[in-house]
Amino acid sequence: MRNGNNHTCESGLLPFHIIKAASEGDTLSINEVLDHYKGYIANLSTRRMYDEYGNVHYCVDETLRRRLETKLITKILKFKIVR
């Protein structure tokens, strides 16, 4: 699906070697996993805000986005691959 430095497969999944390297603590692989889920995390952390006139605005709650990224990194590092 993506070209260049991102190693996303045609199926939209992260390749096994990226997942394995990320679970072993490789920072570049962890960043690729975070980049893969960037849109999903932004979607989860989008909040509806109202201005003084009652108009609706949507914006990303940066604190929540950062917490979700931190939680993902924690789970990546705890992930054990079983063969």
PDB file of N, CA and C in Angstrom:
ATOM      1  N   MET A   1       0.804  -1.193   0.000  1.00  0.00           N
ATOM      2  CA  MET A   1       0.000   0.000   0.000  1.00  0.00           C
ATOM      3  C   MET A   1       0.849   1.261   0.000  1.00  0.00           C
ATOM      4  N   ARG A   2       1.879   1.297   0.821  1.00  0.00           N
ATOM      5  CA  ARG A   2       2.714   2.486   0.879  1.00  0.00           C
ATOM      6  C   ARG A   2       4.073   2.174   0.294  1.00  0.00           C
ATOM      7  N   ASN A   3       4.710   3.196  -0.210  1.00  0.00           N
ATOM      8  CA  ASN A   3       6.041   3.040  -0.783  1.00  0.00           C
ATOM      9  C   ASN A   3       7.041   3.792   0.074  1.00  0.00           C
ATOM     10  N   GLY A   4       8.287   3.691  -0.284  1.00  0.00           N
ATOM     11  CA  GLY A   4       9.318   4.432   0.438  1.00  0.00           C
ATOM     12  C   GLY A   4       9.803   3.670   1.654  1.00  0.00           C
ATOM     13  N   ASN A   5      10.052   4.394   2.730  1.00  0.00           N
ATOM     14  CA  ASN A   5      10.603   3.788   3.926  1.00  0.00           C
ATOM     15  C   ASN A   5       9.587   2.987   4.713  1.00  0.00           C
ATOM     16  N   ASN A   6       8.319   3.244   4.530  1.00  0.00           N
ATOM     17  CA  ASN A   6       7.305   2.506   5.261  1.00  0.00           C
ATOM     18  C   ASN A   6       7.126   1.140   4.619  1.00  0.00           C
ATOM     19  N   HIS A   7       7.167   0.108   5.403  1.00  0.00           N
ATOM     20  CA  HIS A   7       7.154  -1.264   4.901  1.00  0.00           C
ATOM     21  C   HIS A   7       5.779  -1.909   5.001  1.00  0.00           C
ATOM     22  N   THR A   8       4.708  -1.169   4.825  1.00  0.00           N
ATOM     23  CA  THR A   8       3.374  -1.730   4.905  1.00  0.00           C
ATOM     24  C   THR A   8       3.130  -2.644   3.709  1.00  0.00           C
ATOM     25  N   CYS A   9       2.584  -3.822   3.989  1.00  0.00           N
ATOM     26  CA  CYS A   9       2.295  -4.796   2.932  1.00  0.00           C
ATOM     27  C   CYS A   9       1.110  -4.331   2.091  1.00  0.00           C
ATOM     28  N   GLU A  10       0.924  -5.010   0.969  1.00  0.00           N
ATOM     29  CA  GLU A  10      -0.209  -4.708   0.092  1.00  0.00           C
ATOM     30  C   GLU A  10      -1.540  -4.937   0.799  1.00  0.00           C
ATOM     31  N   SER A  11      -1.572  -5.843   1.787  1.00  0.00           N
ATOM     32  CA  SER A  11      -2.810  -6.124   2.499  1.00  0.00           C
ATOM     33  C   SER A  11      -3.131  -5.070   3.551  1.00  0.00           C
ATOM     34  N   GLY A  12      -2.226  -4.115   3.769  1.00  0.00           N
ATOM     35  CA  GLY A  12      -2.450  -3.087   4.774  1.00  0.00           C
ATOM     36  C   GLY A  12      -1.946  -3.474   6.150  1.00  0.00           C
ATOM     37  N   LEU A  13      -1.346  -4.656   6.257  1.00  0.00           N
ATOM     38  CA  LEU A  13      -0.819  -5.126   7.534  1.00  0.00           C
ATOM     39  C   LEU A  13       0.666  -4.831   7.641  1.00  0.00           C
ATOM     40  N   LEU A  14       1.132  -4.708   8.867  1.00  0.00           N
ATOM     41  CA  LEU A  14       2.568  -4.546   9.086  1.00  0.00           C
ATOM     42  C   LEU A  14       3.263  -5.885   8.878  1.00  0.00           C
ATOM     43  N   PRO A  15       4.419  -5.892   8.243  1.00  0.00           N
ATOM     44  CA  PRO A  15       5.150  -7.145   8.047  1.00  0.00           C
ATOM     45  C   PRO A  15       5.634  -7.720   9.376  1.00  0.00           C
ATOM     46  N   PHE A  16       5.815  -9.024   9.385  1.00  0.00           N
ATOM     47  CA  PHE A  16       6.236  -9.724  10.598  1.00  0.00           C
ATOM     48  C   PHE A  16       7.559  -9.198  11.121  1.00  0.00           C
ATOM     49  N   HIS A  17       8.517  -8.936  10.230  1.00  0.00           N
ATOM     50  CA  HIS A  17       9.839  -8.511  10.695  1.00  0.00           C
ATOM     51  C   HIS A  17       9.783  -7.157  11.398  1.00  0.00           C
ATOM     52  N   ILE A  18       8.855  -6.294  11.017  1.00  0.00           N
ATOM     53  CA  ILE A  18       8.689  -5.004  11.696  1.00  0.00           C
ATOM     54  C   ILE A  18       8.110  -5.227  13.094  1.00  0.00           C
ATOM     55  N   ILE A  19       7.112  -6.084  13.189  1.00  0.00           N
ATOM     56  CA  ILE A  19       6.495  -6.380  14.484  1.00  0.00           C
ATOM     57  C   ILE A  19       7.510  -7.024  15.418  1.00  0.00           C
ATOM     58  N   LYS A  20       8.275  -7.967  14.896  1.00  0.00           N
ATOM     59  CA  LYS A  20       9.286  -8.655  15.711  1.00  0.00           C
ATOM     60  C   LYS A  20      10.339  -7.676  16.201  1.00  0.00           C
ATOM     61  N   ALA A  21      10.847  -6.837  15.304  1.00  0.00           N
ATOM     62  CA  ALA A  21      11.875  -5.865  15.690  1.00  0.00           C
ATOM     63  C   ALA A  21      11.321  -4.853  16.697  1.00  0.00           C
ATOM     64  N   ALA A  22      10.083  -4.434  16.514  1.00  0.00           N
ATOM     65  CA  ALA A  22       9.478  -3.478  17.450  1.00  0.00           C
ATOM     66  C   ALA A  22       9.319  -4.099  18.831  1.00  0.00           C
ATOM     67  N   SER A  23       8.912  -5.363  18.885  1.00  0.00           N
ATOM     68  CA  SER A  23       8.743  -6.020  20.182  1.00  0.00           C
ATOM     69  C   SER A  23      10.076  -6.247  20.881  1.00  0.00           C
ATOM     70  N   GLU A  24      11.167  -6.235  20.111  1.00  0.00           N
ATOM     71  CA  GLU A  24      12.505  -6.371  20.691  1.00  0.00           C
ATOM     72  C   GLU A  24      13.099  -5.017  21.068  1.00  0.00           C
ATOM     73  N   GLY A  25      12.380  -3.924  20.801  1.00  0.00           N
ATOM     74  CA  GLY A  25      12.803  -2.604  21.236  1.00  0.00           C
ATOM     75  C   GLY A  25      13.461  -1.739  20.186  1.00  0.00           C
ATOM     76  N   ASP A  26      13.442  -2.149  18.929  1.00  0.00           N
ATOM     77  CA  ASP A  26      14.030  -1.342  17.857  1.00  0.00           C
ATOM     78  C   ASP A  26      13.202  -0.068  17.667  1.00  0.00           C
ATOM     79  N   THR A  27      13.830   1.082  17.875  1.00  0.00           N
ATOM     80  CA  THR A  27      13.085   2.347  17.845  1.00  0.00           C
ATOM     81  C   THR A  27      12.537   2.688  16.465  1.00  0.00           C
ATOM     82  N   LEU A  28      13.272   2.357  15.415  1.00  0.00           N
ATOM     83  CA  LEU A  28      12.765   2.636  14.067  1.00  0.00           C
ATOM     84  C   LEU A  28      11.510   1.819  13.775  1.00  0.00           C
ATOM     85  N   SER A  29      11.505   0.568  14.209  1.00  0.00           N
ATOM     86  CA  SER A  29      10.332  -0.284  13.995  1.00  0.00           C
ATOM     87  C   SER A  29       9.152   0.176  14.842  1.00  0.00           C
ATOM     88  N   ILE A  30       9.430   0.603  16.068  1.00  0.00           N
ATOM     89  CA  ILE A  30       8.361   1.134  16.918  1.00  0.00           C
ATOM     90  C   ILE A  30       7.753   2.370  16.265  1.00  0.00           C
ATOM     91  N   ASN A  31       8.593   3.221  15.702  1.00  0.00           N
ATOM     92  CA  ASN A  31       8.084   4.411  15.009  1.00  0.00           C
ATOM     93  C   ASN A  31       7.257   4.037  13.787  1.00  0.00           C
ATOM     94  N   GLU A  32       7.628   2.959  13.092  1.00  0.00           N
ATOM     95  CA  GLU A  32       6.822   2.511  11.945  1.00  0.00           C
ATOM     96  C   GLU A  32       5.455   2.017  12.394  1.00  0.00           C
ATOM     97  N   VAL A  33       5.413   1.313  13.527  1.00  0.00           N
ATOM     98  CA  VAL A  33       4.130   0.853  14.057  1.00  0.00           C
ATOM     99  C   VAL A  33       3.273   2.059  14.458  1.00  0.00           C
ATOM    100  N   LEU A  34       3.883   3.027  15.131  1.00  0.00           N
ATOM    101  CA  LEU A  34       3.150   4.238  15.507  1.00  0.00           C
ATOM    102  C   LEU A  34       2.642   4.979  14.280  1.00  0.00           C
ATOM    103  N   ASP A  35       3.467   5.054  13.250  1.00  0.00           N
ATOM    104  CA  ASP A  35       3.058   5.718  12.012  1.00  0.00           C
ATOM    105  C   ASP A  35       1.908   4.969  11.344  1.00  0.00           C
ATOM    106  N   HIS A  36       1.940   3.641  11.425  1.00  0.00           N
ATOM    107  CA  HIS A  36       0.883   2.820  10.837  1.00  0.00           C
ATOM    108  C   HIS A  36      -0.468   3.111  11.505  1.00  0.00           C
ATOM    109  N   TYR A  37      -0.450   3.307  12.819  1.00  0.00           N
ATOM    110  CA  TYR A  37      -1.678   3.531  13.576  1.00  0.00           C
ATOM    111  C   TYR A  37      -1.970   5.008  13.840  1.00  0.00           C
ATOM    112  N   LYS A  38      -1.210   5.915  13.228  1.00  0.00           N
ATOM    113  CA  LYS A  38      -1.351   7.353  13.474  1.00  0.00           C
ATOM    114  C   LYS A  38      -2.771   7.849  13.198  1.00  0.00           C
ATOM    115  N   GLY A  39      -3.342   7.468  12.077  1.00  0.00           N
ATOM    116  CA  GLY A  39      -4.688   7.914  11.727  1.00  0.00           C
ATOM    117  C   GLY A  39      -5.747   7.380  12.670  1.00  0.00           C
ATOM    118  N   TYR A  40      -5.606   6.119  13.061  1.00  0.00           N
ATOM    119  CA  TYR A  40      -6.555   5.502  13.986  1.00  0.00           C
ATOM    120  C   TYR A  40      -6.491   6.183  15.350  1.00  0.00           C
ATOM    121  N   ILE A  41      -5.274   6.460  15.823  1.00  0.00           N
ATOM    122  CA  ILE A  41      -5.105   7.134  17.110  1.00  0.00           C
ATOM    123  C   ILE A  41      -5.686   8.548  17.046  1.00  0.00           C
ATOM    124  N   ALA A  42      -5.457   9.252  15.951  1.00  0.00           N
ATOM    125  CA  ALA A  42      -6.016  10.600  15.798  1.00  0.00           C
ATOM    126  C   ALA A  42      -7.541  10.555  15.792  1.00  0.00           C
ATOM    127  N   ASN A  43      -8.099   9.542  15.148  1.00  0.00           N
ATOM    128  CA  ASN A  43      -9.550   9.393  15.118  1.00  0.00           C
ATOM    129  C   ASN A  43     -10.100   9.133  16.519  1.00  0.00           C
ATOM    130  N   LEU A  44      -9.422   8.271  17.279  1.00  0.00           N
ATOM    131  CA  LEU A  44      -9.875   7.975  18.635  1.00  0.00           C
ATOM    132  C   LEU A  44      -9.766   9.180  19.563  1.00  0.00           C
ATOM    133  N   SER A  45      -8.819  10.059  19.306  1.00  0.00           N
ATOM    134  CA  SER A  45      -8.593  11.189  20.204  1.00  0.00           C
ATOM    135  C   SER A  45      -9.244  12.487  19.714  1.00  0.00           C
ATOM    136  N   THR A  46     -10.103  12.403  18.713  1.00  0.00           N
ATOM    137  CA  THR A  46     -10.814  13.584  18.216  1.00  0.00           C
ATOM    138  C   THR A  46     -11.979  13.916  19.147  1.00  0.00           C
ATOM    139  N   ARG A  47     -12.051  15.180  19.525  1.00  0.00           N
ATOM    140  CA  ARG A  47     -13.096  15.663  20.432  1.00  0.00           C
ATOM    141  C   ARG A  47     -13.956  16.716  19.739  1.00  0.00           C
ATOM    142  N   ARG A  48     -15.220  16.740  20.127  1.00  0.00           N
ATOM    143  CA  ARG A  48     -16.138  17.753  19.615  1.00  0.00           C
ATOM    144  C   ARG A  48     -16.097  18.950  20.562  1.00  0.00           C
ATOM    145  N   MET A  49     -15.839  20.112  20.021  1.00  0.00           N
ATOM    146  CA  MET A  49     -15.773  21.343  20.815  1.00  0.00           C
ATOM    147  C   MET A  49     -16.806  22.332  20.280  1.00  0.00           C
ATOM    148  N   TYR A  50     -17.280  23.195  21.154  1.00  0.00           N
ATOM    149  CA  TYR A  50     -18.235  24.231  20.770  1.00  0.00           C
ATOM    150  C   TYR A  50     -17.610  25.593  21.043  1.00  0.00           C
ATOM    151  N   ASP A  51     -17.762  26.514  20.097  1.00  0.00           N
ATOM    152  CA  ASP A  51     -17.273  27.874  20.331  1.00  0.00           C
ATOM    153  C   ASP A  51     -18.359  28.686  21.046  1.00  0.00           C
ATOM    154  N   GLU A  52     -18.076  29.962  21.275  1.00  0.00           N
ATOM    155  CA  GLU A  52     -19.003  30.808  22.039  1.00  0.00           C
ATOM    156  C   GLU A  52     -20.332  31.037  21.324  1.00  0.00           C
ATOM    157  N   TYR A  53     -20.388  30.734  20.016  1.00  0.00           N
ATOM    158  CA  TYR A  53     -21.626  30.895  19.254  1.00  0.00           C
ATOM    159  C   TYR A  53     -22.382  29.579  19.081  1.00  0.00           C
ATOM    160  N   GLY A  54     -21.872  28.521  19.665  1.00  0.00           N
ATOM    161  CA  GLY A  54     -22.524  27.225  19.576  1.00  0.00           C
ATOM    162  C   GLY A  54     -22.147  26.410  18.354  1.00  0.00           C
ATOM    163  N   ASN A  55     -21.180  26.885  17.576  1.00  0.00           N
ATOM    164  CA  ASN A  55     -20.732  26.140  16.402  1.00  0.00           C
ATOM    165  C   ASN A  55     -19.850  24.968  16.833  1.00  0.00           C
ATOM    166  N   VAL A  56     -19.997  23.871  16.127  1.00  0.00           N
ATOM    167  CA  VAL A  56     -19.245  22.663  16.455  1.00  0.00           C
ATOM    168  C   VAL A  56     -17.914  22.668  15.714  1.00  0.00           C
ATOM    169  N   HIS A  57     -16.864  22.345  16.442  1.00  0.00           N
ATOM    170  CA  HIS A  57     -15.530  22.187  15.862  1.00  0.00           C
ATOM    171  C   HIS A  57     -14.955  20.874  16.378  1.00  0.00           C
ATOM    172  N   TYR A  58     -14.252  20.169  15.523  1.00  0.00           N
ATOM    173  CA  TYR A  58     -13.596  18.933  15.920  1.00  0.00           C
ATOM    174  C   TYR A  58     -12.096  19.168  15.965  1.00  0.00           C
ATOM    175  N   CYS A  59     -11.477  18.721  17.030  1.00  0.00           N
ATOM    176  CA  CYS A  59     -10.029  18.865  17.138  1.00  0.00           C
ATOM    177  C   CYS A  59      -9.461  17.666  17.887  1.00  0.00           C
ATOM    178  N   VAL A  60      -8.189  17.423  17.660  1.00  0.00           N
ATOM    179  CA  VAL A  60      -7.507  16.299  18.291  1.00  0.00           C
ATOM    180  C   VAL A  60      -7.071  16.717  19.687  1.00  0.00           C
ATOM    181  N   ASP A  61      -7.462  15.925  20.673  1.00  0.00           N
ATOM    182  CA  ASP A  61      -7.020  16.134  22.047  1.00  0.00           C
ATOM    183  C   ASP A  61      -5.598  15.581  22.141  1.00  0.00           C
ATOM    184  N   GLU A  62      -4.618  16.474  22.162  1.00  0.00           N
ATOM    185  CA  GLU A  62      -3.209  16.064  22.116  1.00  0.00           C
ATOM    186  C   GLU A  62      -2.807  15.251  23.342  1.00  0.00           C
ATOM    187  N   THR A  63      -3.386  15.547  24.488  1.00  0.00           N
ATOM    188  CA  THR A  63      -3.074  14.780  25.698  1.00  0.00           C
ATOM    189  C   THR A  63      -3.544  13.338  25.542  1.00  0.00           C
ATOM    190  N   LEU A  64      -4.761  13.159  25.070  1.00  0.00           N
ATOM    191  CA  LEU A  64      -5.292  11.815  24.857  1.00  0.00           C
ATOM    192  C   LEU A  64      -4.511  11.094  23.764  1.00  0.00           C
ATOM    193  N   ARG A  65      -4.166  11.802  22.686  1.00  0.00           N
ATOM    194  CA  ARG A  65      -3.387  11.191  21.606  1.00  0.00           C
ATOM    195  C   ARG A  65      -2.056  10.675  22.140  1.00  0.00           C
ATOM    196  N   ARG A  66      -1.395  11.473  22.944  1.00  0.00           N
ATOM    197  CA  ARG A  66      -0.099  11.086  23.506  1.00  0.00           C
ATOM    198  C   ARG A  66      -0.241   9.897  24.452  1.00  0.00           C
ATOM    199  N   ARG A  67      -1.325   9.882  25.238  1.00  0.00           N
ATOM    200  CA  ARG A  67      -1.563   8.752  26.146  1.00  0.00           C
ATOM    201  C   ARG A  67      -1.788   7.465  25.366  1.00  0.00           C
ATOM    202  N   LEU A  68      -2.535   7.541  24.261  1.00  0.00           N
ATOM    203  CA  LEU A  68      -2.768   6.359  23.434  1.00  0.00           C
ATOM    204  C   LEU A  68      -1.474   5.868  22.793  1.00  0.00           C
ATOM    205  N   GLU A  69      -0.638   6.792  22.329  1.00  0.00           N
ATOM    206  CA  GLU A  69       0.652   6.401  21.754  1.00  0.00           C
ATOM    207  C   GLU A  69       1.541   5.740  22.802  1.00  0.00           C
ATOM    208  N   THR A  70       1.553   6.288  24.009  1.00  0.00           N
ATOM    209  CA  THR A  70       2.355   5.715  25.089  1.00  0.00           C
ATOM    210  C   THR A  70       1.860   4.318  25.446  1.00  0.00           C
ATOM    211  N   LYS A  71       0.560   4.144  25.494  1.00  0.00           N
ATOM    212  CA  LYS A  71      -0.023   2.832  25.792  1.00  0.00           C
ATOM    213  C   LYS A  71       0.333   1.826  24.699  1.00  0.00           C
ATOM    214  N   LEU A  72       0.300   2.253  23.446  1.00  0.00           N
ATOM    215  CA  LEU A  72       0.667   1.373  22.338  1.00  0.00           C
ATOM    216  C   LEU A  72       2.133   0.969  22.436  1.00  0.00           C
ATOM    217  N   ILE A  73       3.010   1.907  22.744  1.00  0.00           N
ATOM    218  CA  ILE A  73       4.437   1.590  22.890  1.00  0.00           C
ATOM    219  C   ILE A  73       4.640   0.584  24.014  1.00  0.00           C
ATOM    220  N   THR A  74       3.947   0.775  25.131  1.00  0.00           N
ATOM    221  CA  THR A  74       4.050  -0.154  26.257  1.00  0.00           C
ATOM    222  C   THR A  74       3.624  -1.558  25.844  1.00  0.00           C
ATOM    223  N   LYS A  75       2.528  -1.661  25.128  1.00  0.00           N
ATOM    224  CA  LYS A  75       2.029  -2.971  24.689  1.00  0.00           C
ATOM    225  C   LYS A  75       2.943  -3.599  23.642  1.00  0.00           C
ATOM    226  N   ILE A  76       3.538  -2.781  22.785  1.00  0.00           N
ATOM    227  CA  ILE A  76       4.486  -3.304  21.789  1.00  0.00           C
ATOM    228  C   ILE A  76       5.659  -3.958  22.494  1.00  0.00           C
ATOM    229  N   LEU A  77       6.201  -3.282  23.502  1.00  0.00           N
ATOM    230  CA  LEU A  77       7.379  -3.795  24.197  1.00  0.00           C
ATOM    231  C   LEU A  77       7.067  -5.021  25.050  1.00  0.00           C
ATOM    232  N   LYS A  78       5.811  -5.175  25.494  1.00  0.00           N
ATOM    233  CA  LYS A  78       5.410  -6.352  26.271  1.00  0.00           C
ATOM    234  C   LYS A  78       4.988  -7.523  25.387  1.00  0.00           C
ATOM    235  N   PHE A  79       4.818  -7.266  24.095  1.00  0.00           N
ATOM    236  CA  PHE A  79       4.313  -8.280  23.169  1.00  0.00           C
ATOM    237  C   PHE A  79       5.329  -9.404  22.998  1.00  0.00           C
ATOM    238  N   LYS A  80       4.873 -10.634  23.185  1.00  0.00           N
ATOM    239  CA  LYS A  80       5.729 -11.809  23.021  1.00  0.00           C
ATOM    240  C   LYS A  80       5.271 -12.594  21.798  1.00  0.00           C
ATOM    241  N   ILE A  81       6.215 -12.904  20.926  1.00  0.00           N
ATOM    242  CA  ILE A  81       5.909 -13.665  19.716  1.00  0.00           C
ATOM    243  C   ILE A  81       6.071 -15.146  20.020  1.00  0.00           C
ATOM    244  N   VAL A  82       5.031 -15.917  19.726  1.00  0.00           N
ATOM    245  CA  VAL A  82       5.044 -17.360  19.957  1.00  0.00           C
ATOM    246  C   VAL A  82       4.995 -18.045  18.605  1.00  0.00           C
ATOM    247  N   ARG A  83       5.921 -18.949  18.391  1.00  0.00           N
ATOM    248  CA  ARG A  83       5.938 -19.691  17.121  1.00  0.00           C
ATOM    249  C   ARG A  83       5.567 -21.120  17.345  1.00  0.00           C
TER     250      ARG A  83
END
